Amino acid sequence: MPTTQDIAKDFVQMCKKGQFDEAGEKYWAANVVSLEPMEGEMARAEGLDAVKAKGEWWNNSHEVHSFSAGDPVVNGDQFIVEFEMDVTNKDSGERMQMQEQALYTVADGKIVEERFFYGG
């Protein structure tokens, strides 16, 4: 079974290549939970189908001009990654630079939780 370090490295490499859906397919557990620091229906997604739907919502709602991901930092069964994005919200037309950290928890070779933190 791959280690958390192995999963972190491969997952982030796939994200850096723009392979977000493929990374999710490969590493999300069936019971994965995704948590955002916001109110509303996208604040918590539980289960593979719900997390995939959240990703589709994001892609349909935003135009991504640029994206970058830092190298993962591992601690036990968790790893954290910093993402930076330049996006435009398709509904409002607002362009914004986003910085977020994502904390992933791994169990039995799969990501069981992703928790996002936003910065300036």
PDB file of N, CA and C in Angstrom:
ATOM      1  N   MET A   1       0.854  -1.187   0.000  1.00  0.00           N
ATOM      2  CA  MET A   1       0.000   0.000   0.000  1.00  0.00           C
ATOM      3  C   MET A   1       0.892   1.240   0.000  1.00  0.00           C
ATOM      4  N   PRO A   2       0.510   2.254  -0.799  1.00  0.00           N
ATOM      5  CA  PRO A   2       1.330   3.465  -0.843  1.00  0.00           C
ATOM      6  C   PRO A   2       1.284   4.225   0.486  1.00  0.00           C
ATOM      7  N   THR A   3       2.360   4.901   0.787  1.00  0.00           N
ATOM      8  CA  THR A   3       2.429   5.710   1.996  1.00  0.00           C
ATOM      9  C   THR A   3       1.721   7.046   1.759  1.00  0.00           C
ATOM     10  N   THR A   4       1.492   7.777   2.835  1.00  0.00           N
ATOM     11  CA  THR A   4       0.919   9.122   2.704  1.00  0.00           C
ATOM     12  C   THR A   4       1.834   9.992   1.851  1.00  0.00           C
ATOM     13  N   GLN A   5       3.140   9.859   2.026  1.00  0.00           N
ATOM     14  CA  GLN A   5       4.104  10.618   1.221  1.00  0.00           C
ATOM     15  C   GLN A   5       3.943  10.289  -0.259  1.00  0.00           C
ATOM     16  N   ASP A   6       3.808   9.002  -0.592  1.00  0.00           N
ATOM     17  CA  ASP A   6       3.627   8.591  -1.986  1.00  0.00           C
ATOM     18  C   ASP A   6       2.357   9.200  -2.580  1.00  0.00           C
ATOM     19  N   ILE A   7       1.273   9.103  -1.833  1.00  0.00           N
ATOM     20  CA  ILE A   7      -0.010   9.625  -2.292  1.00  0.00           C
ATOM     21  C   ILE A   7       0.069  11.138  -2.463  1.00  0.00           C
ATOM     22  N   ALA A   8       0.637  11.821  -1.475  1.00  0.00           N
ATOM     23  CA  ALA A   8       0.756  13.282  -1.533  1.00  0.00           C
ATOM     24  C   ALA A   8       1.537  13.719  -2.772  1.00  0.00           C
ATOM     25  N   LYS A   9       2.662  13.087  -3.001  1.00  0.00           N
ATOM     26  CA  LYS A   9       3.513  13.458  -4.128  1.00  0.00           C
ATOM     27  C   LYS A   9       2.791  13.247  -5.463  1.00  0.00           C
ATOM     28  N   ASP A  10       2.175  12.089  -5.633  1.00  0.00           N
ATOM     29  CA  ASP A  10       1.497  11.780  -6.892  1.00  0.00           C
ATOM     30  C   ASP A  10       0.257  12.656  -7.082  1.00  0.00           C
ATOM     31  N   PHE A  11      -0.543  12.828  -6.020  1.00  0.00           N
ATOM     32  CA  PHE A  11      -1.750  13.647  -6.087  1.00  0.00           C
ATOM     33  C   PHE A  11      -1.413  15.071  -6.513  1.00  0.00           C
ATOM     34  N   VAL A  12      -0.398  15.659  -5.886  1.00  0.00           N
ATOM     35  CA  VAL A  12      -0.026  17.047  -6.197  1.00  0.00           C
ATOM     36  C   VAL A  12       0.570  17.135  -7.604  1.00  0.00           C
ATOM     37  N   GLN A  13       1.360  16.156  -8.014  1.00  0.00           N
ATOM     38  CA  GLN A  13       1.912  16.171  -9.377  1.00  0.00           C
ATOM     39  C   GLN A  13       0.784  16.153 -10.398  1.00  0.00           C
ATOM     40  N   MET A  14      -0.244  15.350 -10.136  1.00  0.00           N
ATOM     41  CA  MET A  14      -1.386  15.299 -11.047  1.00  0.00           C
ATOM     42  C   MET A  14      -2.109  16.648 -11.078  1.00  0.00           C
ATOM     43  N   CYS A  15      -2.282  17.273  -9.921  1.00  0.00           N
ATOM     44  CA  CYS A  15      -2.917  18.598  -9.861  1.00  0.00           C
ATOM     45  C   CYS A  15      -2.098  19.631 -10.625  1.00  0.00           C
ATOM     46  N   LYS A  16      -0.772  19.590 -10.472  1.00  0.00           N
ATOM     47  CA  LYS A  16       0.096  20.538 -11.171  1.00  0.00           C
ATOM     48  C   LYS A  16      -0.043  20.402 -12.682  1.00  0.00           C
ATOM     49  N   LYS A  17      -0.383  19.204 -13.164  1.00  0.00           N
ATOM     50  CA  LYS A  17      -0.577  18.954 -14.595  1.00  0.00           C
ATOM     51  C   LYS A  17      -2.001  19.268 -15.043  1.00  0.00           C
ATOM     52  N   GLY A  18      -2.843  19.733 -14.101  1.00  0.00           N
ATOM     53  CA  GLY A  18      -4.227  20.025 -14.439  1.00  0.00           C
ATOM     54  C   GLY A  18      -5.135  18.804 -14.435  1.00  0.00           C
ATOM     55  N   GLN A  19      -4.656  17.709 -13.884  1.00  0.00           N
ATOM     56  CA  GLN A  19      -5.410  16.456 -13.856  1.00  0.00           C
ATOM     57  C   GLN A  19      -6.188  16.318 -12.544  1.00  0.00           C
ATOM     58  N   PHE A  20      -7.046  17.299 -12.264  1.00  0.00           N
ATOM     59  CA  PHE A  20      -7.779  17.325 -10.994  1.00  0.00           C
ATOM     60  C   PHE A  20      -8.769  16.176 -10.896  1.00  0.00           C
ATOM     61  N   ASP A  21      -9.551  15.980 -11.952  1.00  0.00           N
ATOM     62  CA  ASP A  21     -10.547  14.905 -11.939  1.00  0.00           C
ATOM     63  C   ASP A  21      -9.874  13.546 -11.814  1.00  0.00           C
ATOM     64  N   GLU A  22      -8.789  13.364 -12.553  1.00  0.00           N
ATOM     65  CA  GLU A  22      -8.072  12.087 -12.511  1.00  0.00           C
ATOM     66  C   GLU A  22      -7.457  11.835 -11.131  1.00  0.00           C
ATOM     67  N   ALA A  23      -6.928  12.895 -10.513  1.00  0.00           N
ATOM     68  CA  ALA A  23      -6.359  12.756  -9.166  1.00  0.00           C
ATOM     69  C   ALA A  23      -7.439  12.337  -8.176  1.00  0.00           C
ATOM     70  N   GLY A  24      -8.618  12.944  -8.296  1.00  0.00           N
ATOM     71  CA  GLY A  24      -9.733  12.582  -7.437  1.00  0.00           C
ATOM     72  C   GLY A  24     -10.175  11.148  -7.656  1.00  0.00           C
ATOM     73  N   GLU A  25     -10.303  10.762  -8.908  1.00  0.00           N
ATOM     74  CA  GLU A  25     -10.711   9.387  -9.226  1.00  0.00           C
ATOM     75  C   GLU A  25      -9.736   8.375  -8.625  1.00  0.00           C
ATOM     76  N   LYS A  26      -8.465   8.710  -8.685  1.00  0.00           N
ATOM     77  CA  LYS A  26      -7.434   7.785  -8.215  1.00  0.00           C
ATOM     78  C   LYS A  26      -7.366   7.723  -6.692  1.00  0.00           C
ATOM     79  N   TYR A  27      -7.560   8.868  -6.025  1.00  0.00           N
ATOM     80  CA  TYR A  27      -7.244   8.912  -4.592  1.00  0.00           C
ATOM     81  C   TYR A  27      -8.403   9.172  -3.638  1.00  0.00           C
ATOM     82  N   TRP A  28      -9.538   9.698  -4.078  1.00  0.00           N
ATOM     83  CA  TRP A  28     -10.633   9.924  -3.132  1.00  0.00           C
ATOM     84  C   TRP A  28     -11.258   8.605  -2.708  1.00  0.00           C
ATOM     85  N   ALA A  29     -11.509   8.458  -1.424  1.00  0.00           N
ATOM     86  CA  ALA A  29     -12.237   7.300  -0.909  1.00  0.00           C
ATOM     87  C   ALA A  29     -13.719   7.443  -1.254  1.00  0.00           C
ATOM     88  N   ALA A  30     -14.443   6.339  -1.248  1.00  0.00           N
ATOM     89  CA  ALA A  30     -15.886   6.376  -1.542  1.00  0.00           C
ATOM     90  C   ALA A  30     -16.628   7.275  -0.552  1.00  0.00           C
ATOM     91  N   ASN A  31     -16.125   7.354   0.670  1.00  0.00           N
ATOM     92  CA  ASN A  31     -16.785   8.145   1.725  1.00  0.00           C
ATOM     93  C   ASN A  31     -16.069   9.464   2.004  1.00  0.00           C
ATOM     94  N   VAL A  32     -15.338   9.980   1.022  1.00  0.00           N
ATOM     95  CA  VAL A  32     -14.569  11.215   1.188  1.00  0.00           C
ATOM     96  C   VAL A  32     -15.483  12.369   1.621  1.00  0.00           C
ATOM     97  N   VAL A  33     -14.929  13.253   2.448  1.00  0.00           N
ATOM     98  CA  VAL A  33     -15.632  14.458   2.900  1.00  0.00           C
ATOM     99  C   VAL A  33     -14.786  15.658   2.490  1.00  0.00           C
ATOM    100  N   SER A  34     -15.449  16.675   1.905  1.00  0.00           N
ATOM    101  CA  SER A  34     -14.777  17.900   1.494  1.00  0.00           C
ATOM    102  C   SER A  34     -15.391  19.064   2.255  1.00  0.00           C
ATOM    103  N   LEU A  35     -14.540  19.851   2.927  1.00  0.00           N
ATOM    104  CA  LEU A  35     -15.005  20.940   3.792  1.00  0.00           C
ATOM    105  C   LEU A  35     -14.407  22.273   3.348  1.00  0.00           C
ATOM    106  N   GLU A  36     -15.282  23.271   3.178  1.00  0.00           N
ATOM    107  CA  GLU A  36     -14.877  24.620   2.806  1.00  0.00           C
ATOM    108  C   GLU A  36     -15.218  25.572   3.950  1.00  0.00           C
ATOM    109  N   PRO A  37     -14.426  26.631   4.133  1.00  0.00           N
ATOM    110  CA  PRO A  37     -14.716  27.604   5.200  1.00  0.00           C
ATOM    111  C   PRO A  37     -15.714  28.669   4.745  1.00  0.00           C
ATOM    112  N   MET A  38     -16.879  28.221   4.331  1.00  0.00           N
ATOM    113  CA  MET A  38     -17.903  29.153   3.849  1.00  0.00           C
ATOM    114  C   MET A  38     -19.272  28.622   4.234  1.00  0.00           C
ATOM    115  N   GLU A  39     -20.270  29.447   4.065  1.00  0.00           N
ATOM    116  CA  GLU A  39     -21.657  29.040   4.301  1.00  0.00           C
ATOM    117  C   GLU A  39     -22.235  28.503   2.996  1.00  0.00           C
ATOM    118  N   GLY A  40     -23.337  27.771   3.101  1.00  0.00           N
ATOM    119  CA  GLY A  40     -24.051  27.345   1.900  1.00  0.00           C
ATOM    120  C   GLY A  40     -23.873  25.884   1.591  1.00  0.00           C
ATOM    121  N   GLU A  41     -24.478  25.487   0.487  1.00  0.00           N
ATOM    122  CA  GLU A  41     -24.551  24.064   0.167  1.00  0.00           C
ATOM    123  C   GLU A  41     -23.202  23.456  -0.221  1.00  0.00           C
ATOM    124  N   MET A  42     -22.243  24.269  -0.646  1.00  0.00           N
ATOM    125  CA  MET A  42     -20.935  23.733  -1.027  1.00  0.00           C
ATOM    126  C   MET A  42     -19.951  23.693   0.153  1.00  0.00           C
ATOM    127  N   ALA A  43     -20.398  24.081   1.333  1.00  0.00           N
ATOM    128  CA  ALA A  43     -19.514  24.103   2.503  1.00  0.00           C
ATOM    129  C   ALA A  43     -19.104  22.699   2.925  1.00  0.00           C
ATOM    130  N   ARG A  44     -19.978  21.709   2.702  1.00  0.00           N
ATOM    131  CA  ARG A  44     -19.678  20.332   3.083  1.00  0.00           C
ATOM    132  C   ARG A  44     -20.229  19.396   2.021  1.00  0.00           C
ATOM    133  N   ALA A  45     -19.357  18.581   1.476  1.00  0.00           N
ATOM    134  CA  ALA A  45     -19.769  17.555   0.518  1.00  0.00           C
ATOM    135  C   ALA A  45     -19.325  16.215   1.072  1.00  0.00           C
ATOM    136  N   GLU A  46     -20.247  15.267   1.132  1.00  0.00           N
ATOM    137  CA  GLU A  46     -19.942  13.948   1.677  1.00  0.00           C
ATOM    138  C   GLU A  46     -20.197  12.883   0.629  1.00  0.00           C
ATOM    139  N   GLY A  47     -19.194  12.039   0.415  1.00  0.00           N
ATOM    140  CA  GLY A  47     -19.307  10.952  -0.548  1.00  0.00           C
ATOM    141  C   GLY A  47     -18.725  11.338  -1.889  1.00  0.00           C
ATOM    142  N   LEU A  48     -18.291  10.339  -2.612  1.00  0.00           N
ATOM    143  CA  LEU A  48     -17.603  10.536  -3.885  1.00  0.00           C
ATOM    144  C   LEU A  48     -18.455  11.312  -4.888  1.00  0.00           C
ATOM    145  N   ASP A  49     -19.729  10.962  -5.023  1.00  0.00           N
ATOM    146  CA  ASP A  49     -20.581  11.654  -5.988  1.00  0.00           C
ATOM    147  C   ASP A  49     -20.750  13.129  -5.627  1.00  0.00           C
ATOM    148  N   ALA A  50     -20.927  13.427  -4.344  1.00  0.00           N
ATOM    149  CA  ALA A  50     -21.102  14.813  -3.901  1.00  0.00           C
ATOM    150  C   ALA A  50     -19.831  15.628  -4.117  1.00  0.00           C
ATOM    151  N   VAL A  51     -18.672  15.034  -3.860  1.00  0.00           N
ATOM    152  CA  VAL A  51     -17.406  15.749  -4.049  1.00  0.00           C
ATOM    153  C   VAL A  51     -17.145  15.980  -5.543  1.00  0.00           C
ATOM    154  N   LYS A  52     -17.479  15.000  -6.370  1.00  0.00           N
ATOM    155  CA  LYS A  52     -17.359  15.197  -7.822  1.00  0.00           C
ATOM    156  C   LYS A  52     -18.288  16.316  -8.287  1.00  0.00           C
ATOM    157  N   ALA A  53     -19.515  16.342  -7.777  1.00  0.00           N
ATOM    158  CA  ALA A  53     -20.480  17.376  -8.149  1.00  0.00           C
ATOM    159  C   ALA A  53     -19.985  18.758  -7.725  1.00  0.00           C
ATOM    160  N   LYS A  54     -19.338  18.829  -6.563  1.00  0.00           N
ATOM    161  CA  LYS A  54     -18.775  20.098  -6.096  1.00  0.00           C
ATOM    162  C   LYS A  54     -17.699  20.581  -7.067  1.00  0.00           C
ATOM    163  N   GLY A  55     -16.854  19.680  -7.527  1.00  0.00           N
ATOM    164  CA  GLY A  55     -15.828  20.026  -8.506  1.00  0.00           C
ATOM    165  C   GLY A  55     -16.428  20.512  -9.820  1.00  0.00           C
ATOM    166  N   GLU A  56     -17.488  19.858 -10.264  1.00  0.00           N
ATOM    167  CA  GLU A  56     -18.170  20.283 -11.487  1.00  0.00           C
ATOM    168  C   GLU A  56     -18.773  21.671 -11.310  1.00  0.00           C
ATOM    169  N   TRP A  57     -19.386  21.917 -10.132  1.00  0.00           N
ATOM    170  CA  TRP A  57     -19.937  23.243  -9.845  1.00  0.00           C
ATOM    171  C   TRP A  57     -18.835  24.297  -9.926  1.00  0.00           C
ATOM    172  N   TRP A  58     -17.693  24.027  -9.296  1.00  0.00           N
ATOM    173  CA  TRP A  58     -16.580  24.978  -9.308  1.00  0.00           C
ATOM    174  C   TRP A  58     -16.145  25.264 -10.746  1.00  0.00           C
ATOM    175  N   ASN A  59     -15.937  24.202 -11.527  1.00  0.00           N
ATOM    176  CA  ASN A  59     -15.476  24.381 -12.906  1.00  0.00           C
ATOM    177  C   ASN A  59     -16.482  25.136 -13.757  1.00  0.00           C
ATOM    178  N   ASN A  60     -17.767  24.908 -13.532  1.00  0.00           N
ATOM    179  CA  ASN A  60     -18.798  25.588 -14.300  1.00  0.00           C
ATOM    180  C   ASN A  60     -18.999  27.039 -13.859  1.00  0.00           C
ATOM    181  N   SER A  61     -18.575  27.369 -12.642  1.00  0.00           N
ATOM    182  CA  SER A  61     -18.788  28.703 -12.080  1.00  0.00           C
ATOM    183  C   SER A  61     -17.593  29.635 -12.222  1.00  0.00           C
ATOM    184  N   HIS A  62     -16.439  29.099 -12.588  1.00  0.00           N
ATOM    185  CA  HIS A  62     -15.211  29.902 -12.613  1.00  0.00           C
ATOM    186  C   HIS A  62     -14.411  29.668 -13.886  1.00  0.00           C
ATOM    187  N   GLU A  63     -13.821  30.746 -14.372  1.00  0.00           N
ATOM    188  CA  GLU A  63     -12.831  30.644 -15.430  1.00  0.00           C
ATOM    189  C   GLU A  63     -11.467  30.766 -14.759  1.00  0.00           C
ATOM    190  N   VAL A  64     -10.631  29.769 -14.948  1.00  0.00           N
ATOM    191  CA  VAL A  64      -9.317  29.753 -14.313  1.00  0.00           C
ATOM    192  C   VAL A  64      -8.294  30.295 -15.306  1.00  0.00           C
ATOM    193  N   HIS A  65      -7.641  31.405 -14.928  1.00  0.00           N
ATOM    194  CA  HIS A  65      -6.619  32.019 -15.776  1.00  0.00           C
ATOM    195  C   HIS A  65      -5.243  31.416 -15.497  1.00  0.00           C
ATOM    196  N   SER A  66      -4.979  31.117 -14.221  1.00  0.00           N
ATOM    197  CA  SER A  66      -3.715  30.458 -13.859  1.00  0.00           C
ATOM    198  C   SER A  66      -3.908  29.699 -12.553  1.00  0.00           C
ATOM    199  N   PHE A  67      -3.063  28.699 -12.372  1.00  0.00           N
ATOM    200  CA  PHE A  67      -3.136  27.836 -11.200  1.00  0.00           C
ATOM    201  C   PHE A  67      -1.730  27.350 -10.884  1.00  0.00           C
ATOM    202  N   SER A  68      -1.403  27.300  -9.596  1.00  0.00           N
ATOM    203  CA  SER A  68      -0.143  26.686  -9.191  1.00  0.00           C
ATOM    204  C   SER A  68      -0.352  25.961  -7.870  1.00  0.00           C
ATOM    205  N   ALA A  69       0.475  24.965  -7.652  1.00  0.00           N
ATOM    206  CA  ALA A  69       0.421  24.176  -6.418  1.00  0.00           C
ATOM    207  C   ALA A  69       1.830  24.037  -5.880  1.00  0.00           C
ATOM    208  N   GLY A  70       1.964  24.204  -4.569  1.00  0.00           N
ATOM    209  CA  GLY A  70       3.252  23.998  -3.923  1.00  0.00           C
ATOM    210  C   GLY A  70       3.492  22.515  -3.696  1.00  0.00           C
ATOM    211  N   ASP A  71       4.634  22.201  -3.158  1.00  0.00           N
ATOM    212  CA  ASP A  71       4.944  20.810  -2.839  1.00  0.00           C
ATOM    213  C   ASP A  71       4.229  20.426  -1.546  1.00  0.00           C
ATOM    214  N   PRO A  72       3.786  19.181  -1.455  1.00  0.00           N
ATOM    215  CA  PRO A  72       3.079  18.752  -0.245  1.00  0.00           C
ATOM    216  C   PRO A  72       4.011  18.628   0.950  1.00  0.00           C
ATOM    217  N   VAL A  73       3.466  18.904   2.127  1.00  0.00           N
ATOM    218  CA  VAL A  73       4.172  18.718   3.386  1.00  0.00           C
ATOM    219  C   VAL A  73       3.385  17.672   4.167  1.00  0.00           C
ATOM    220  N   VAL A  74       4.057  16.608   4.554  1.00  0.00           N
ATOM    221  CA  VAL A  74       3.400  15.448   5.171  1.00  0.00           C
ATOM    222  C   VAL A  74       3.661  15.406   6.667  1.00  0.00           C
ATOM    223  N   ASN A  75       2.627  15.024   7.415  1.00  0.00           N
ATOM    224  CA  ASN A  75       2.741  14.766   8.846  1.00  0.00           C
ATOM    225  C   ASN A  75       1.827  13.582   9.147  1.00  0.00           C
ATOM    226  N   GLY A  76       2.414  12.421   9.383  1.00  0.00           N
ATOM    227  CA  GLY A  76       1.627  11.228   9.692  1.00  0.00           C
ATOM    228  C   GLY A  76       0.711  10.853   8.548  1.00  0.00           C
ATOM    229  N   ASP A  77      -0.598  10.821   8.830  1.00  0.00           N
ATOM    230  CA  ASP A  77      -1.573  10.435   7.808  1.00  0.00           C
ATOM    231  C   ASP A  77      -2.198  11.644   7.113  1.00  0.00           C
ATOM    232  N   GLN A  78      -1.547  12.808   7.230  1.00  0.00           N
ATOM    233  CA  GLN A  78      -2.070  14.020   6.614  1.00  0.00           C
ATOM    234  C   GLN A  78      -0.989  14.711   5.780  1.00  0.00           C
ATOM    235  N   PHE A  79      -1.451  15.488   4.795  1.00  0.00           N
ATOM    236  CA  PHE A  79      -0.534  16.370   4.068  1.00  0.00           C
ATOM    237  C   PHE A  79      -1.268  17.654   3.720  1.00  0.00           C
ATOM    238  N   ILE A  80      -0.468  18.705   3.610  1.00  0.00           N
ATOM    239  CA  ILE A  80      -1.013  20.024   3.297  1.00  0.00           C
ATOM    240  C   ILE A  80      -0.339  20.539   2.028  1.00  0.00           C
ATOM    241  N   VAL A  81      -1.129  21.255   1.226  1.00  0.00           N
ATOM    242  CA  VAL A  81      -0.643  21.809  -0.037  1.00  0.00           C
ATOM    243  C   VAL A  81      -1.178  23.225  -0.161  1.00  0.00           C
ATOM    244  N   GLU A  82      -0.343  24.130  -0.672  1.00  0.00           N
ATOM    245  CA  GLU A  82      -0.798  25.485  -0.937  1.00  0.00           C
ATOM    246  C   GLU A  82      -1.108  25.621  -2.428  1.00  0.00           C
ATOM    247  N   PHE A  83      -2.289  26.152  -2.711  1.00  0.00           N
ATOM    248  CA  PHE A  83      -2.711  26.411  -4.080  1.00  0.00           C
ATOM    249  C   PHE A  83      -2.882  27.909  -4.277  1.00  0.00           C
ATOM    250  N   GLU A  84      -2.523  28.403  -5.466  1.00  0.00           N
ATOM    251  CA  GLU A  84      -2.773  29.788  -5.843  1.00  0.00           C
ATOM    252  C   GLU A  84      -3.483  29.779  -7.181  1.00  0.00           C
ATOM    253  N   MET A  85      -4.538  30.616  -7.287  1.00  0.00           N
ATOM    254  CA  MET A  85      -5.345  30.666  -8.494  1.00  0.00           C
ATOM    255  C   MET A  85      -5.699  32.096  -8.851  1.00  0.00           C
ATOM    256  N   ASP A  86      -5.757  32.346 -10.130  1.00  0.00           N
ATOM    257  CA  ASP A  86      -6.288  33.588 -10.672  1.00  0.00           C
ATOM    258  C   ASP A  86      -7.548  33.169 -11.425  1.00  0.00           C
ATOM    259  N   VAL A  87      -8.721  33.566 -10.905  1.00  0.00           N
ATOM    260  CA  VAL A  87      -9.988  33.096 -11.462  1.00  0.00           C
ATOM    261  C   VAL A  87     -10.967  34.251 -11.648  1.00  0.00           C
ATOM    262  N   THR A  88     -11.920  34.037 -12.534  1.00  0.00           N
ATOM    263  CA  THR A  88     -13.043  34.954 -12.696  1.00  0.00           C
ATOM    264  C   THR A  88     -14.315  34.181 -12.406  1.00  0.00           C
ATOM    265  N   ASN A  89     -15.142  34.736 -11.527  1.00  0.00           N
ATOM    266  CA  ASN A  89     -16.453  34.168 -11.250  1.00  0.00           C
ATOM    267  C   ASN A  89     -17.329  34.456 -12.464  1.00  0.00           C
ATOM    268  N   LYS A  90     -17.845  33.427 -13.100  1.00  0.00           N
ATOM    269  CA  LYS A  90     -18.607  33.602 -14.338  1.00  0.00           C
ATOM    270  C   LYS A  90     -19.912  34.364 -14.121  1.00  0.00           C
ATOM    271  N   ASP A  91     -20.540  34.214 -12.957  1.00  0.00           N
ATOM    272  CA  ASP A  91     -21.804  34.905 -12.700  1.00  0.00           C
ATOM    273  C   ASP A  91     -21.599  36.400 -12.470  1.00  0.00           C
ATOM    274  N   SER A  92     -20.626  36.756 -11.636  1.00  0.00           N
ATOM    275  CA  SER A  92     -20.440  38.166 -11.271  1.00  0.00           C
ATOM    276  C   SER A  92     -19.449  38.887 -12.176  1.00  0.00           C
ATOM    277  N   GLY A  93     -18.583  38.119 -12.853  1.00  0.00           N
ATOM    278  CA  GLY A  93     -17.538  38.733 -13.664  1.00  0.00           C
ATOM    279  C   GLY A  93     -16.356  39.206 -12.841  1.00  0.00           C
ATOM    280  N   GLU A  94     -16.393  38.964 -11.531  1.00  0.00           N
ATOM    281  CA  GLU A  94     -15.317  39.410 -10.641  1.00  0.00           C
ATOM    282  C   GLU A  94     -14.084  38.519 -10.818  1.00  0.00           C
ATOM    283  N   ARG A  95     -12.964  39.155 -11.070  1.00  0.00           N
ATOM    284  CA  ARG A  95     -11.693  38.429 -11.162  1.00  0.00           C
ATOM    285  C   ARG A  95     -10.983  38.543  -9.827  1.00  0.00           C
ATOM    286  N   MET A  96     -10.450  37.435  -9.357  1.00  0.00           N
ATOM    287  CA  MET A  96      -9.790  37.451  -8.052  1.00  0.00           C
ATOM    288  C   MET A  96      -8.598  36.507  -8.033  1.00  0.00           C
ATOM    289  N   GLN A  97      -7.639  36.872  -7.197  1.00  0.00           N
ATOM    290  CA  GLN A  97      -6.497  36.015  -6.934  1.00  0.00           C
ATOM    291  C   GLN A  97      -6.788  35.295  -5.619  1.00  0.00           C
ATOM    292  N   MET A  98      -6.722  33.985  -5.656  1.00  0.00           N
ATOM    293  CA  MET A  98      -7.041  33.188  -4.469  1.00  0.00           C
ATOM    294  C   MET A  98      -5.806  32.431  -4.012  1.00  0.00           C
ATOM    295  N   GLN A  99      -5.681  32.336  -2.711  1.00  0.00           N
ATOM    296  CA  GLN A  99      -4.637  31.513  -2.107  1.00  0.00           C
ATOM    297  C   GLN A  99      -5.352  30.644  -1.091  1.00  0.00           C
ATOM    298  N   GLU A 100      -5.105  29.346  -1.168  1.00  0.00           N
ATOM    299  CA  GLU A 100      -5.721  28.448  -0.194  1.00  0.00           C
ATOM    300  C   GLU A 100      -4.757  27.340   0.171  1.00  0.00           C
ATOM    301  N   GLN A 101      -4.946  26.830   1.355  1.00  0.00           N
ATOM    302  CA  GLN A 101      -4.223  25.653   1.794  1.00  0.00           C
ATOM    303  C   GLN A 101      -5.249  24.534   1.891  1.00  0.00           C
ATOM    304  N   ALA A 102      -4.835  23.367   1.470  1.00  0.00           N
ATOM    305  CA  ALA A 102      -5.709  22.200   1.531  1.00  0.00           C
ATOM    306  C   ALA A 102      -5.034  21.157   2.415  1.00  0.00           C
ATOM    307  N   LEU A 103      -5.771  20.690   3.405  1.00  0.00           N
ATOM    308  CA  LEU A 103      -5.296  19.668   4.323  1.00  0.00           C
ATOM    309  C   LEU A 103      -6.017  18.372   3.972  1.00  0.00           C
ATOM    310  N   TYR A 104      -5.247  17.358   3.610  1.00  0.00           N
ATOM    311  CA  TYR A 104      -5.798  16.068   3.215  1.00  0.00           C
ATOM    312  C   TYR A 104      -5.479  15.027   4.270  1.00  0.00           C
ATOM    313  N   THR A 105      -6.457  14.179   4.575  1.00  0.00           N
ATOM    314  CA  THR A 105      -6.266  13.075   5.510  1.00  0.00           C
ATOM    315  C   THR A 105      -6.403  11.772   4.732  1.00  0.00           C
ATOM    316  N   VAL A 106      -5.446  10.869   4.949  1.00  0.00           N
ATOM    317  CA  VAL A 106      -5.364   9.606   4.211  1.00  0.00           C
ATOM    318  C   VAL A 106      -5.628   8.436   5.153  1.00  0.00           C
ATOM    319  N   ALA A 107      -6.405   7.469   4.670  1.00  0.00           N
ATOM    320  CA  ALA A 107      -6.621   6.208   5.390  1.00  0.00           C
ATOM    321  C   ALA A 107      -6.745   5.088   4.360  1.00  0.00           C
ATOM    322  N   ASP A 108      -6.080   4.009   4.608  1.00  0.00           N
ATOM    323  CA  ASP A 108      -6.144   2.834   3.719  1.00  0.00           C
ATOM    324  C   ASP A 108      -5.838   3.175   2.265  1.00  0.00           C
ATOM    325  N   GLY A 109      -4.859   4.063   2.058  1.00  0.00           N
ATOM    326  CA  GLY A 109      -4.411   4.386   0.706  1.00  0.00           C
ATOM    327  C   GLY A 109      -5.305   5.345  -0.058  1.00  0.00           C
ATOM    328  N   LYS A 110      -6.285   5.949   0.596  1.00  0.00           N
ATOM    329  CA  LYS A 110      -7.209   6.879  -0.068  1.00  0.00           C
ATOM    330  C   LYS A 110      -7.362   8.155   0.752  1.00  0.00           C
ATOM    331  N   ILE A 111      -7.729   9.240   0.083  1.00  0.00           N
ATOM    332  CA  ILE A 111      -8.011  10.497   0.774  1.00  0.00           C
ATOM    333  C   ILE A 111      -9.439  10.418   1.306  1.00  0.00           C
ATOM    334  N   VAL A 112      -9.576  10.523   2.628  1.00  0.00           N
ATOM    335  CA  VAL A 112     -10.896  10.422   3.263  1.00  0.00           C
ATOM    336  C   VAL A 112     -11.459  11.788   3.639  1.00  0.00           C
ATOM    337  N   GLU A 113     -10.584  12.814   3.693  1.00  0.00           N
ATOM    338  CA  GLU A 113     -11.068  14.167   3.975  1.00  0.00           C
ATOM    339  C   GLU A 113     -10.146  15.173   3.321  1.00  0.00           C
ATOM    340  N   GLU A 114     -10.764  16.221   2.774  1.00  0.00           N
ATOM    341  CA  GLU A 114     -10.028  17.388   2.302  1.00  0.00           C
ATOM    342  C   GLU A 114     -10.680  18.592   2.945  1.00  0.00           C
ATOM    343  N   ARG A 115      -9.826  19.441   3.515  1.00  0.00           N
ATOM    344  CA  ARG A 115     -10.311  20.617   4.254  1.00  0.00           C
ATOM    345  C   ARG A 115      -9.536  21.823   3.738  1.00  0.00           C
ATOM    346  N   PHE A 116     -10.273  22.843   3.285  1.00  0.00           N
ATOM    347  CA  PHE A 116      -9.652  24.004   2.673  1.00  0.00           C
ATOM    348  C   PHE A 116      -9.651  25.199   3.602  1.00  0.00           C
ATOM    349  N   PHE A 117      -8.551  25.968   3.535  1.00  0.00           N
ATOM    350  CA  PHE A 117      -8.352  27.182   4.316  1.00  0.00           C
ATOM    351  C   PHE A 117      -7.982  28.288   3.342  1.00  0.00           C
ATOM    352  N   TYR A 118      -8.610  29.451   3.431  1.00  0.00           N
ATOM    353  CA  TYR A 118      -8.352  30.543   2.496  1.00  0.00           C
ATOM    354  C   TYR A 118      -7.477  31.601   3.113  1.00  0.00           C
ATOM    355  N   GLY A 119      -6.589  32.151   2.274  1.00  0.00           N
ATOM    356  CA  GLY A 119      -5.736  33.250   2.677  1.00  0.00           C
ATOM    357  C   GLY A 119      -5.992  34.455   1.793  1.00  0.00           C
ATOM    358  N   GLY A 120      -5.164  35.471   1.957  1.00  0.00           N
ATOM    359  CA  GLY A 120      -5.329  36.700   1.176  1.00  0.00           C
ATOM    360  C   GLY A 120      -4.738  36.611  -0.189  1.00  0.00           C
TER     361      GLY A 120
END
